[in-house]
Amino acid sequence: MSEWHDLAVRAGTVMRAEVNDGARQPAYRLWIDFGPLGELQSSAKLTDLYAADDLVGTQVIAVSGFEPMRVGGFRSDVLVLGVLTEAGVVLLRPDRPVAPGDPVA
């Protein structure tokens, strides 16, 4: 895993997703490819609007540079961004393919 020392917002591609059974609130464990920065993990509360299988291959926007935390026994390296709605969290994501690890301007 590459270390990120400064807060950064980058695009990544979800490589794997599964239910985080250990989380207090329904969430997924995500493994996200950030290109040259490596594959990082996130626990994300996306279960209201997304199935785990549908997230694989999806590009997401995430914030890095935080100290990793443990969510339900799972290491979470980055914060995947979304919009809070009454129906659940709607992912923020590029509307065109971008390279994993590309910075958000």
PDB file of N, CA and C in Angstrom:
ATOM      1  N   MET A   1       0.845  -1.181   0.000  1.00  0.00           N
ATOM      2  CA  MET A   1       0.000   0.000   0.000  1.00  0.00           C
ATOM      3  C   MET A   1       0.887   1.240   0.000  1.00  0.00           C
ATOM      4  N   SER A   2       0.567   2.178  -0.856  1.00  0.00           N
ATOM      5  CA  SER A   2       1.289   3.446  -0.878  1.00  0.00           C
ATOM      6  C   SER A   2       0.786   4.322   0.260  1.00  0.00           C
ATOM      7  N   GLU A   3       1.664   5.118   0.823  1.00  0.00           N
ATOM      8  CA  GLU A   3       1.251   6.027   1.886  1.00  0.00           C
ATOM      9  C   GLU A   3       0.919   7.386   1.296  1.00  0.00           C
ATOM     10  N   TRP A   4      -0.160   7.966   1.764  1.00  0.00           N
ATOM     11  CA  TRP A   4      -0.548   9.307   1.378  1.00  0.00           C
ATOM     12  C   TRP A   4      -0.407  10.162   2.619  1.00  0.00           C
ATOM     13  N   HIS A   5       0.382  11.206   2.525  1.00  0.00           N
ATOM     14  CA  HIS A   5       0.636  12.024   3.699  1.00  0.00           C
ATOM     15  C   HIS A   5      -0.221  13.283   3.729  1.00  0.00           C
ATOM     16  N   ASP A   6      -0.692  13.731   2.603  1.00  0.00           N
ATOM     17  CA  ASP A   6      -1.512  14.932   2.538  1.00  0.00           C
ATOM     18  C   ASP A   6      -2.931  14.551   2.132  1.00  0.00           C
ATOM     19  N   LEU A   7      -3.867  15.345   2.583  1.00  0.00           N
ATOM     20  CA  LEU A   7      -5.255  15.142   2.187  1.00  0.00           C
ATOM     21  C   LEU A   7      -5.355  15.285   0.676  1.00  0.00           C
ATOM     22  N   ALA A   8      -5.992  14.330   0.019  1.00  0.00           N
ATOM     23  CA  ALA A   8      -6.144  14.377  -1.434  1.00  0.00           C
ATOM     24  C   ALA A   8      -7.490  13.768  -1.803  1.00  0.00           C
ATOM     25  N   VAL A   9      -8.073  14.258  -2.896  1.00  0.00           N
ATOM     26  CA  VAL A   9      -9.309  13.703  -3.429  1.00  0.00           C
ATOM     27  C   VAL A   9      -8.962  13.117  -4.790  1.00  0.00           C
ATOM     28  N   ARG A  10      -9.238  11.824  -4.960  1.00  0.00           N
ATOM     29  CA  ARG A  10      -8.821  11.113  -6.168  1.00  0.00           C
ATOM     30  C   ARG A  10      -9.905  10.167  -6.649  1.00  0.00           C
ATOM     31  N   ALA A  11      -9.793   9.800  -7.917  1.00  0.00           N
ATOM     32  CA  ALA A  11     -10.679   8.796  -8.502  1.00  0.00           C
ATOM     33  C   ALA A  11     -10.064   7.421  -8.313  1.00  0.00           C
ATOM     34  N   GLY A  12     -10.905   6.445  -8.108  1.00  0.00           N
ATOM     35  CA  GLY A  12     -10.458   5.062  -7.999  1.00  0.00           C
ATOM     36  C   GLY A  12     -11.503   4.144  -8.601  1.00  0.00           C
ATOM     37  N   THR A  13     -11.113   2.904  -8.835  1.00  0.00           N
ATOM     38  CA  THR A  13     -12.021   1.909  -9.403  1.00  0.00           C
ATOM     39  C   THR A  13     -12.231   0.786  -8.397  1.00  0.00           C
ATOM     40  N   VAL A  14     -13.481   0.481  -8.091  1.00  0.00           N
ATOM     41  CA  VAL A  14     -13.802  -0.584  -7.151  1.00  0.00           C
ATOM     42  C   VAL A  14     -13.459  -1.924  -7.797  1.00  0.00           C
ATOM     43  N   MET A  15     -12.580  -2.683  -7.134  1.00  0.00           N
ATOM     44  CA  MET A  15     -12.144  -3.979  -7.645  1.00  0.00           C
ATOM     45  C   MET A  15     -12.912  -5.135  -6.996  1.00  0.00           C
ATOM     46  N   ARG A  16     -13.342  -4.915  -5.769  1.00  0.00           N
ATOM     47  CA  ARG A  16     -14.035  -5.959  -5.013  1.00  0.00           C
ATOM     48  C   ARG A  16     -14.943  -5.289  -4.005  1.00  0.00           C
ATOM     49  N   ALA A  17     -16.115  -5.884  -3.742  1.00  0.00           N
ATOM     50  CA  ALA A  17     -17.059  -5.345  -2.763  1.00  0.00           C
ATOM     51  C   ALA A  17     -17.782  -6.503  -2.090  1.00  0.00           C
ATOM     52  N   GLU A  18     -17.930  -6.387  -0.774  1.00  0.00           N
ATOM     53  CA  GLU A  18     -18.670  -7.407  -0.026  1.00  0.00           C
ATOM     54  C   GLU A  18     -19.277  -6.760   1.207  1.00  0.00           C
ATOM     55  N   VAL A  19     -20.278  -7.401   1.774  1.00  0.00           N
ATOM     56  CA  VAL A  19     -20.949  -6.877   2.962  1.00  0.00           C
ATOM     57  C   VAL A  19     -19.961  -6.847   4.130  1.00  0.00           C
ATOM     58  N   ASN A  20     -19.961  -5.739   4.866  1.00  0.00           N
ATOM     59  CA  ASN A  20     -19.159  -5.611   6.074  1.00  0.00           C
ATOM     60  C   ASN A  20     -20.052  -6.013   7.248  1.00  0.00           C
ATOM     61  N   ASP A  21     -20.073  -7.321   7.532  1.00  0.00           N
ATOM     62  CA  ASP A  21     -20.936  -7.845   8.587  1.00  0.00           C
ATOM     63  C   ASP A  21     -20.608  -7.300   9.963  1.00  0.00           C
ATOM     64  N   GLY A  22     -19.388  -6.834  10.181  1.00  0.00           N
ATOM     65  CA  GLY A  22     -18.979  -6.335  11.487  1.00  0.00           C
ATOM     66  C   GLY A  22     -19.357  -4.894  11.761  1.00  0.00           C
ATOM     67  N   ALA A  23     -19.807  -4.177  10.749  1.00  0.00           N
ATOM     68  CA  ALA A  23     -20.144  -2.757  10.918  1.00  0.00           C
ATOM     69  C   ALA A  23     -21.449  -2.602  11.717  1.00  0.00           C
ATOM     70  N   ARG A  24     -21.534  -1.551  12.525  1.00  0.00           N
ATOM     71  CA  ARG A  24     -22.748  -1.285  13.307  1.00  0.00           C
ATOM     72  C   ARG A  24     -23.931  -0.925  12.417  1.00  0.00           C
ATOM     73  N   GLN A  25     -23.657  -0.195  11.340  1.00  0.00           N
ATOM     74  CA  GLN A  25     -24.696   0.148  10.360  1.00  0.00           C
ATOM     75  C   GLN A  25     -24.363  -0.581   9.070  1.00  0.00           C
ATOM     76  N   PRO A  26     -25.372  -0.950   8.273  1.00  0.00           N
ATOM     77  CA  PRO A  26     -25.103  -1.688   7.028  1.00  0.00           C
ATOM     78  C   PRO A  26     -24.078  -0.952   6.157  1.00  0.00           C
ATOM     79  N   ALA A  27     -23.060  -1.690   5.717  1.00  0.00           N
ATOM     80  CA  ALA A  27     -21.980  -1.104   4.917  1.00  0.00           C
ATOM     81  C   ALA A  27     -21.341  -2.190   4.065  1.00  0.00           C
ATOM     82  N   TYR A  28     -20.559  -1.733   3.088  1.00  0.00           N
ATOM     83  CA  TYR A  28     -19.769  -2.635   2.256  1.00  0.00           C
ATOM     84  C   TYR A  28     -18.290  -2.435   2.539  1.00  0.00           C
ATOM     85  N   ARG A  29     -17.543  -3.525   2.420  1.00  0.00           N
ATOM     86  CA  ARG A  29     -16.084  -3.462   2.375  1.00  0.00           C
ATOM     87  C   ARG A  29     -15.722  -3.282   0.914  1.00  0.00           C
ATOM     88  N   LEU A  30     -14.933  -2.260   0.605  1.00  0.00           N
ATOM     89  CA  LEU A  30     -14.521  -2.003  -0.771  1.00  0.00           C
ATOM     90  C   LEU A  30     -13.005  -2.057  -0.873  1.00  0.00           C
ATOM     91  N   TRP A  31     -12.511  -2.656  -1.952  1.00  0.00           N
ATOM     92  CA  TRP A  31     -11.099  -2.623  -2.307  1.00  0.00           C
ATOM     93  C   TRP A  31     -11.029  -1.791  -3.574  1.00  0.00           C
ATOM     94  N   ILE A  32     -10.320  -0.665  -3.522  1.00  0.00           N
ATOM     95  CA  ILE A  32     -10.360   0.328  -4.600  1.00  0.00           C
ATOM     96  C   ILE A  32      -8.964   0.508  -5.179  1.00  0.00           C
ATOM     97  N   ASP A  33      -8.860   0.412  -6.504  1.00  0.00           N
ATOM     98  CA  ASP A  33      -7.594   0.603  -7.216  1.00  0.00           C
ATOM     99  C   ASP A  33      -7.391   2.086  -7.462  1.00  0.00           C
ATOM    100  N   PHE A  34      -6.270   2.608  -6.937  1.00  0.00           N
ATOM    101  CA  PHE A  34      -5.900   3.997  -7.164  1.00  0.00           C
ATOM    102  C   PHE A  34      -4.664   4.088  -8.050  1.00  0.00           C
ATOM    103  N   GLY A  35      -4.523   3.141  -8.982  1.00  0.00           N
ATOM    104  CA  GLY A  35      -3.433   3.169  -9.954  1.00  0.00           C
ATOM    105  C   GLY A  35      -2.080   3.111  -9.284  1.00  0.00           C
ATOM    106  N   PRO A  36      -1.215   4.082  -9.593  1.00  0.00           N
ATOM    107  CA  PRO A  36       0.151   4.056  -9.050  1.00  0.00           C
ATOM    108  C   PRO A  36       0.197   4.159  -7.527  1.00  0.00           C
ATOM    109  N   LEU A  37      -0.910   4.543  -6.900  1.00  0.00           N
ATOM    110  CA  LEU A  37      -0.956   4.668  -5.446  1.00  0.00           C
ATOM    111  C   LEU A  37      -1.338   3.360  -4.770  1.00  0.00           C
ATOM    112  N   GLY A  38      -1.705   2.361  -5.553  1.00  0.00           N
ATOM    113  CA  GLY A  38      -2.034   1.053  -5.015  1.00  0.00           C
ATOM    114  C   GLY A  38      -3.519   0.853  -4.756  1.00  0.00           C
ATOM    115  N   GLU A  39      -3.814  -0.292  -4.162  1.00  0.00           N
ATOM    116  CA  GLU A  39      -5.189  -0.644  -3.814  1.00  0.00           C
ATOM    117  C   GLU A  39      -5.419  -0.322  -2.344  1.00  0.00           C
ATOM    118  N   LEU A  40      -6.438   0.490  -2.073  1.00  0.00           N
ATOM    119  CA  LEU A  40      -6.776   0.884  -0.714  1.00  0.00           C
ATOM    120  C   LEU A  40      -8.182   0.403  -0.398  1.00  0.00           C
ATOM    121  N   GLN A  41      -8.494   0.371   0.887  1.00  0.00           N
ATOM    122  CA  GLN A  41      -9.766  -0.160   1.356  1.00  0.00           C
ATOM    123  C   GLN A  41     -10.642   0.942   1.932  1.00  0.00           C
ATOM    124  N   SER A  42     -11.964   0.681   1.892  1.00  0.00           N
ATOM    125  CA  SER A  42     -12.913   1.596   2.514  1.00  0.00           C
ATOM    126  C   SER A  42     -14.135   0.814   2.962  1.00  0.00           C
ATOM    127  N   SER A  43     -14.681   1.190   4.109  1.00  0.00           N
ATOM    128  CA  SER A  43     -15.987   0.702   4.526  1.00  0.00           C
ATOM    129  C   SER A  43     -16.961   1.816   4.202  1.00  0.00           C
ATOM    130  N   ALA A  44     -17.953   1.522   3.368  1.00  0.00           N
ATOM    131  CA  ALA A  44     -18.847   2.571   2.865  1.00  0.00           C
ATOM    132  C   ALA A  44     -20.308   2.178   3.061  1.00  0.00           C
ATOM    133  N   LYS A  45     -21.093   3.123   3.566  1.00  0.00           N
ATOM    134  CA  LYS A  45     -22.524   2.902   3.814  1.00  0.00           C
ATOM    135  C   LYS A  45     -23.313   3.153   2.528  1.00  0.00           C
ATOM    136  N   LEU A  46     -23.249   2.201   1.631  1.00  0.00           N
ATOM    137  CA  LEU A  46     -23.890   2.335   0.315  1.00  0.00           C
ATOM    138  C   LEU A  46     -24.979   1.304   0.078  1.00  0.00           C
ATOM    139  N   THR A  47     -25.381   0.582   1.121  1.00  0.00           N
ATOM    140  CA  THR A  47     -26.258  -0.579   0.943  1.00  0.00           C
ATOM    141  C   THR A  47     -27.691  -0.223   0.562  1.00  0.00           C
ATOM    142  N   ASP A  48     -28.142   0.995   0.801  1.00  0.00           N
ATOM    143  CA  ASP A  48     -29.522   1.357   0.478  1.00  0.00           C
ATOM    144  C   ASP A  48     -29.775   1.407  -1.025  1.00  0.00           C
ATOM    145  N   LEU A  49     -28.798   1.866  -1.793  1.00  0.00           N
ATOM    146  CA  LEU A  49     -29.023   2.098  -3.223  1.00  0.00           C
ATOM    147  C   LEU A  49     -28.176   1.227  -4.149  1.00  0.00           C
ATOM    148  N   TYR A  50     -27.217   0.486  -3.596  1.00  0.00           N
ATOM    149  CA  TYR A  50     -26.295  -0.273  -4.442  1.00  0.00           C
ATOM    150  C   TYR A  50     -26.141  -1.701  -3.932  1.00  0.00           C
ATOM    151  N   ALA A  51     -26.074  -2.648  -4.860  1.00  0.00           N
ATOM    152  CA  ALA A  51     -25.722  -4.027  -4.529  1.00  0.00           C
ATOM    153  C   ALA A  51     -24.209  -4.154  -4.638  1.00  0.00           C
ATOM    154  N   ALA A  52     -23.617  -4.983  -3.806  1.00  0.00           N
ATOM    155  CA  ALA A  52     -22.159  -5.139  -3.805  1.00  0.00           C
ATOM    156  C   ALA A  52     -21.646  -5.501  -5.194  1.00  0.00           C
ATOM    157  N   ASP A  53     -22.284  -6.441  -5.871  1.00  0.00           N
ATOM    158  CA  ASP A  53     -21.830  -6.870  -7.201  1.00  0.00           C
ATOM    159  C   ASP A  53     -21.868  -5.736  -8.218  1.00  0.00           C
ATOM    160  N   ASP A  54     -22.830  -4.826  -8.067  1.00  0.00           N
ATOM    161  CA  ASP A  54     -22.954  -3.710  -9.013  1.00  0.00           C
ATOM    162  C   ASP A  54     -21.861  -2.657  -8.816  1.00  0.00           C
ATOM    163  N   LEU A  55     -21.211  -2.644  -7.661  1.00  0.00           N
ATOM    164  CA  LEU A  55     -20.158  -1.664  -7.402  1.00  0.00           C
ATOM    165  C   LEU A  55     -18.828  -2.039  -8.056  1.00  0.00           C
ATOM    166  N   VAL A  56     -18.617  -3.336  -8.304  1.00  0.00           N
ATOM    167  CA  VAL A  56     -17.355  -3.783  -8.902  1.00  0.00           C
ATOM    168  C   VAL A  56     -17.223  -3.189 -10.304  1.00  0.00           C
ATOM    169  N   GLY A  57     -16.094  -2.531 -10.556  1.00  0.00           N
ATOM    170  CA  GLY A  57     -15.853  -1.870 -11.836  1.00  0.00           C
ATOM    171  C   GLY A  57     -16.279  -0.416 -11.856  1.00  0.00           C
ATOM    172  N   THR A  58     -17.017   0.016 -10.829  1.00  0.00           N
ATOM    173  CA  THR A  58     -17.482   1.399 -10.741  1.00  0.00           C
ATOM    174  C   THR A  58     -16.341   2.306 -10.305  1.00  0.00           C
ATOM    175  N   GLN A  59     -16.278   3.472 -10.901  1.00  0.00           N
ATOM    176  CA  GLN A  59     -15.314   4.467 -10.458  1.00  0.00           C
ATOM    177  C   GLN A  59     -15.966   5.325  -9.376  1.00  0.00           C
ATOM    178  N   VAL A  60     -15.169   5.641  -8.360  1.00  0.00           N
ATOM    179  CA  VAL A  60     -15.649   6.430  -7.230  1.00  0.00           C
ATOM    180  C   VAL A  60     -14.669   7.573  -6.973  1.00  0.00           C
ATOM    181  N   ILE A  61     -15.113   8.513  -6.175  1.00  0.00           N
ATOM    182  CA  ILE A  61     -14.269   9.615  -5.718  1.00  0.00           C
ATOM    183  C   ILE A  61     -14.063   9.415  -4.220  1.00  0.00           C
ATOM    184  N   ALA A  62     -12.804   9.510  -3.784  1.00  0.00           N
ATOM    185  CA  ALA A  62     -12.502   9.263  -2.376  1.00  0.00           C
ATOM    186  C   ALA A  62     -11.466  10.249  -1.858  1.00  0.00           C
ATOM    187  N   VAL A  63     -11.536  10.488  -0.550  1.00  0.00           N
ATOM    188  CA  VAL A  63     -10.568  11.343   0.136  1.00  0.00           C
ATOM    189  C   VAL A  63      -9.561  10.441   0.832  1.00  0.00           C
ATOM    190  N   SER A  64      -8.295  10.741   0.646  1.00  0.00           N
ATOM    191  CA  SER A  64      -7.229   9.999   1.313  1.00  0.00           C
ATOM    192  C   SER A  64      -6.425  10.961   2.180  1.00  0.00           C
ATOM    193  N   GLY A  65      -5.523  10.409   2.947  1.00  0.00           N
ATOM    194  CA  GLY A  65      -4.661  11.215   3.784  1.00  0.00           C
ATOM    195  C   GLY A  65      -5.039  11.163   5.246  1.00  0.00           C
ATOM    196  N   PHE A  66      -6.163  10.517   5.552  1.00  0.00           N
ATOM    197  CA  PHE A  66      -6.553  10.311   6.941  1.00  0.00           C
ATOM    198  C   PHE A  66      -5.765   9.140   7.514  1.00  0.00           C
ATOM    199  N   GLU A  67      -5.644   9.100   8.814  1.00  0.00           N
ATOM    200  CA  GLU A  67      -5.110   7.924   9.483  1.00  0.00           C
ATOM    201  C   GLU A  67      -6.117   6.795   9.272  1.00  0.00           C
ATOM    202  N   PRO A  68      -5.692   5.613   8.806  1.00  0.00           N
ATOM    203  CA  PRO A  68      -6.653   4.514   8.612  1.00  0.00           C
ATOM    204  C   PRO A  68      -7.400   4.222   9.918  1.00  0.00           C
ATOM    205  N   MET A  69      -8.674   3.854   9.782  1.00  0.00           N
ATOM    206  CA  MET A  69      -9.471   3.489  10.950  1.00  0.00           C
ATOM    207  C   MET A  69     -10.049   2.105  10.743  1.00  0.00           C
ATOM    208  N   ARG A  70     -10.518   1.495  11.798  1.00  0.00           N
ATOM    209  CA  ARG A  70     -11.120   0.173  11.710  1.00  0.00           C
ATOM    210  C   ARG A  70     -12.626   0.325  11.849  1.00  0.00           C
ATOM    211  N   VAL A  71     -13.360  -0.269  10.897  1.00  0.00           N
ATOM    212  CA  VAL A  71     -14.817  -0.246  10.921  1.00  0.00           C
ATOM    213  C   VAL A  71     -15.276  -1.695  10.900  1.00  0.00           C
ATOM    214  N   GLY A  72     -15.827  -2.149  11.997  1.00  0.00           N
ATOM    215  CA  GLY A  72     -16.279  -3.526  12.078  1.00  0.00           C
ATOM    216  C   GLY A  72     -15.154  -4.517  11.832  1.00  0.00           C
ATOM    217  N   GLY A  73     -13.953  -4.192  12.328  1.00  0.00           N
ATOM    218  CA  GLY A  73     -12.814  -5.076  12.162  1.00  0.00           C
ATOM    219  C   GLY A  73     -12.120  -4.973  10.819  1.00  0.00           C
ATOM    220  N   PHE A  74     -12.550  -4.046   9.971  1.00  0.00           N
ATOM    221  CA  PHE A  74     -12.003  -3.883   8.626  1.00  0.00           C
ATOM    222  C   PHE A  74     -11.259  -2.553   8.554  1.00  0.00           C
ATOM    223  N   ARG A  75     -10.037  -2.562   8.010  1.00  0.00           N
ATOM    224  CA  ARG A  75      -9.258  -1.326   7.875  1.00  0.00           C
ATOM    225  C   ARG A  75      -9.850  -0.463   6.763  1.00  0.00           C
ATOM    226  N   SER A  76     -10.141   0.787   7.078  1.00  0.00           N
ATOM    227  CA  SER A  76     -10.665   1.729   6.099  1.00  0.00           C
ATOM    228  C   SER A  76      -9.626   2.824   5.896  1.00  0.00           C
ATOM    229  N   ASP A  77      -9.043   2.869   4.673  1.00  0.00           N
ATOM    230  CA  ASP A  77      -7.964   3.806   4.352  1.00  0.00           C
ATOM    231  C   ASP A  77      -8.464   5.126   3.788  1.00  0.00           C
ATOM    232  N   VAL A  78      -9.593   5.091   3.087  1.00  0.00           N
ATOM    233  CA  VAL A  78     -10.102   6.272   2.388  1.00  0.00           C
ATOM    234  C   VAL A  78     -11.588   6.445   2.676  1.00  0.00           C
ATOM    235  N   LEU A  79     -12.076   7.655   2.464  1.00  0.00           N
ATOM    236  CA  LEU A  79     -13.486   7.978   2.622  1.00  0.00           C
ATOM    237  C   LEU A  79     -14.088   8.144   1.226  1.00  0.00           C
ATOM    238  N   VAL A  80     -14.972   7.227   0.846  1.00  0.00           N
ATOM    239  CA  VAL A  80     -15.659   7.318  -0.435  1.00  0.00           C
ATOM    240  C   VAL A  80     -16.747   8.386  -0.308  1.00  0.00           C
ATOM    241  N   LEU A  81     -16.822   9.291  -1.283  1.00  0.00           N
ATOM    242  CA  LEU A  81     -17.746  10.424  -1.207  1.00  0.00           C
ATOM    243  C   LEU A  81     -19.085  10.133  -1.870  1.00  0.00           C
ATOM    244  N   GLY A  82     -20.130  10.643  -1.249  1.00  0.00           N
ATOM    245  CA  GLY A  82     -21.475  10.517  -1.782  1.00  0.00           C
ATOM    246  C   GLY A  82     -22.339  11.638  -1.239  1.00  0.00           C
ATOM    247  N   VAL A  83     -23.528  11.715  -1.760  1.00  0.00           N
ATOM    248  CA  VAL A  83     -24.501  12.717  -1.330  1.00  0.00           C
ATOM    249  C   VAL A  83     -25.548  12.025  -0.476  1.00  0.00           C
ATOM    250  N   LEU A  84     -25.800  12.573   0.719  1.00  0.00           N
ATOM    251  CA  LEU A  84     -26.821  12.017   1.603  1.00  0.00           C
ATOM    252  C   LEU A  84     -28.200  12.427   1.107  1.00  0.00           C
ATOM    253  N   THR A  85     -29.034  11.444   0.804  1.00  0.00           N
ATOM    254  CA  THR A  85     -30.415  11.711   0.390  1.00  0.00           C
ATOM    255  C   THR A  85     -31.345  10.917   1.302  1.00  0.00           C
ATOM    256  N   GLU A  86     -32.638  11.182   1.209  1.00  0.00           N
ATOM    257  CA  GLU A  86     -33.605  10.428   2.011  1.00  0.00           C
ATOM    258  C   GLU A  86     -33.587   8.949   1.653  1.00  0.00           C
ATOM    259  N   ALA A  87     -33.243   8.622   0.416  1.00  0.00           N
ATOM    260  CA  ALA A  87     -33.217   7.227  -0.039  1.00  0.00           C
ATOM    261  C   ALA A  87     -31.929   6.511   0.335  1.00  0.00           C
ATOM    262  N   GLY A  88     -30.887   7.258   0.659  1.00  0.00           N
ATOM    263  CA  GLY A  88     -29.587   6.680   0.973  1.00  0.00           C
ATOM    264  C   GLY A  88     -28.483   7.497   0.335  1.00  0.00           C
ATOM    265  N   VAL A  89     -27.261   6.994   0.408  1.00  0.00           N
ATOM    266  CA  VAL A  89     -26.105   7.705  -0.136  1.00  0.00           C
ATOM    267  C   VAL A  89     -26.012   7.466  -1.644  1.00  0.00           C
ATOM    268  N   VAL A  90     -25.930   8.550  -2.417  1.00  0.00           N
ATOM    269  CA  VAL A  90     -25.717   8.496  -3.857  1.00  0.00           C
ATOM    270  C   VAL A  90     -24.248   8.792  -4.115  1.00  0.00           C
ATOM    271  N   LEU A  91     -23.573   7.854  -4.757  1.00  0.00           N
ATOM    272  CA  LEU A  91     -22.138   8.005  -5.008  1.00  0.00           C
ATOM    273  C   LEU A  91     -21.816   9.212  -5.874  1.00  0.00           C
ATOM    274  N   LEU A  92     -20.721   9.894  -5.536  1.00  0.00           N
ATOM    275  CA  LEU A  92     -20.123  10.875  -6.443  1.00  0.00           C
ATOM    276  C   LEU A  92     -19.155  10.090  -7.317  1.00  0.00           C
ATOM    277  N   ARG A  93     -19.279  10.222  -8.631  1.00  0.00           N
ATOM    278  CA  ARG A  93     -18.382   9.491  -9.528  1.00  0.00           C
ATOM    279  C   ARG A  93     -18.266  10.208 -10.858  1.00  0.00           C
ATOM    280  N   PRO A  94     -17.150   9.961 -11.549  1.00  0.00           N
ATOM    281  CA  PRO A  94     -16.959  10.605 -12.858  1.00  0.00           C
ATOM    282  C   PRO A  94     -18.031  10.158 -13.843  1.00  0.00           C
ATOM    283  N   ASP A  95     -18.414  11.058 -14.753  1.00  0.00           N
ATOM    284  CA  ASP A  95     -19.392  10.668 -15.775  1.00  0.00           C
ATOM    285  C   ASP A  95     -18.718  10.115 -17.028  1.00  0.00           C
ATOM    286  N   ARG A  96     -17.372  10.109 -17.026  1.00  0.00           N
ATOM    287  CA  ARG A  96     -16.580   9.480 -18.089  1.00  0.00           C
ATOM    288  C   ARG A  96     -15.454   8.720 -17.413  1.00  0.00           C
ATOM    289  N   PRO A  97     -14.944   7.661 -18.057  1.00  0.00           N
ATOM    290  CA  PRO A  97     -13.827   6.913 -17.451  1.00  0.00           C
ATOM    291  C   PRO A  97     -12.593   7.797 -17.274  1.00  0.00           C
ATOM    292  N   VAL A  98     -11.955   7.638 -16.118  1.00  0.00           N
ATOM    293  CA  VAL A  98     -10.699   8.333 -15.814  1.00  0.00           C
ATOM    294  C   VAL A  98      -9.714   7.296 -15.291  1.00  0.00           C
ATOM    295  N   ALA A  99      -8.448   7.647 -15.261  1.00  0.00           N
ATOM    296  CA  ALA A  99      -7.426   6.724 -14.763  1.00  0.00           C
ATOM    297  C   ALA A  99      -7.494   6.632 -13.243  1.00  0.00           C
ATOM    298  N   PRO A 100      -7.411   5.418 -12.702  1.00  0.00           N
ATOM    299  CA  PRO A 100      -7.372   5.283 -11.252  1.00  0.00           C
ATOM    300  C   PRO A 100      -6.209   6.093 -10.677  1.00  0.00           C
ATOM    301  N   GLY A 101      -6.508   6.846  -9.617  1.00  0.00           N
ATOM    302  CA  GLY A 101      -5.503   7.689  -8.976  1.00  0.00           C
ATOM    303  C   GLY A 101      -5.503   9.117  -9.456  1.00  0.00           C
ATOM    304  N   ASP A 102      -6.227   9.413 -10.556  1.00  0.00           N
ATOM    305  CA  ASP A 102      -6.273  10.792 -11.034  1.00  0.00           C
ATOM    306  C   ASP A 102      -6.812  11.705  -9.951  1.00  0.00           C
ATOM    307  N   PRO A 103      -6.200  12.880  -9.757  1.00  0.00           N
ATOM    308  CA  PRO A 103      -6.678  13.823  -8.755  1.00  0.00           C
ATOM    309  C   PRO A 103      -7.952  14.522  -9.226  1.00  0.00           C
ATOM    310  N   VAL A 104      -8.771  14.903  -8.270  1.00  0.00           N
ATOM    311  CA  VAL A 104      -9.982  15.677  -8.541  1.00  0.00           C
ATOM    312  C   VAL A 104      -9.599  17.141  -8.494  1.00  0.00           C
ATOM    313  N   ALA A 105     -10.008  17.889  -9.529  1.00  0.00           N
ATOM    314  CA  ALA A 105      -9.674  19.311  -9.608  1.00  0.00           C
ATOM    315  C   ALA A 105     -10.766  20.156  -9.007  1.00  0.00           C
TER     316      ALA A 105
END
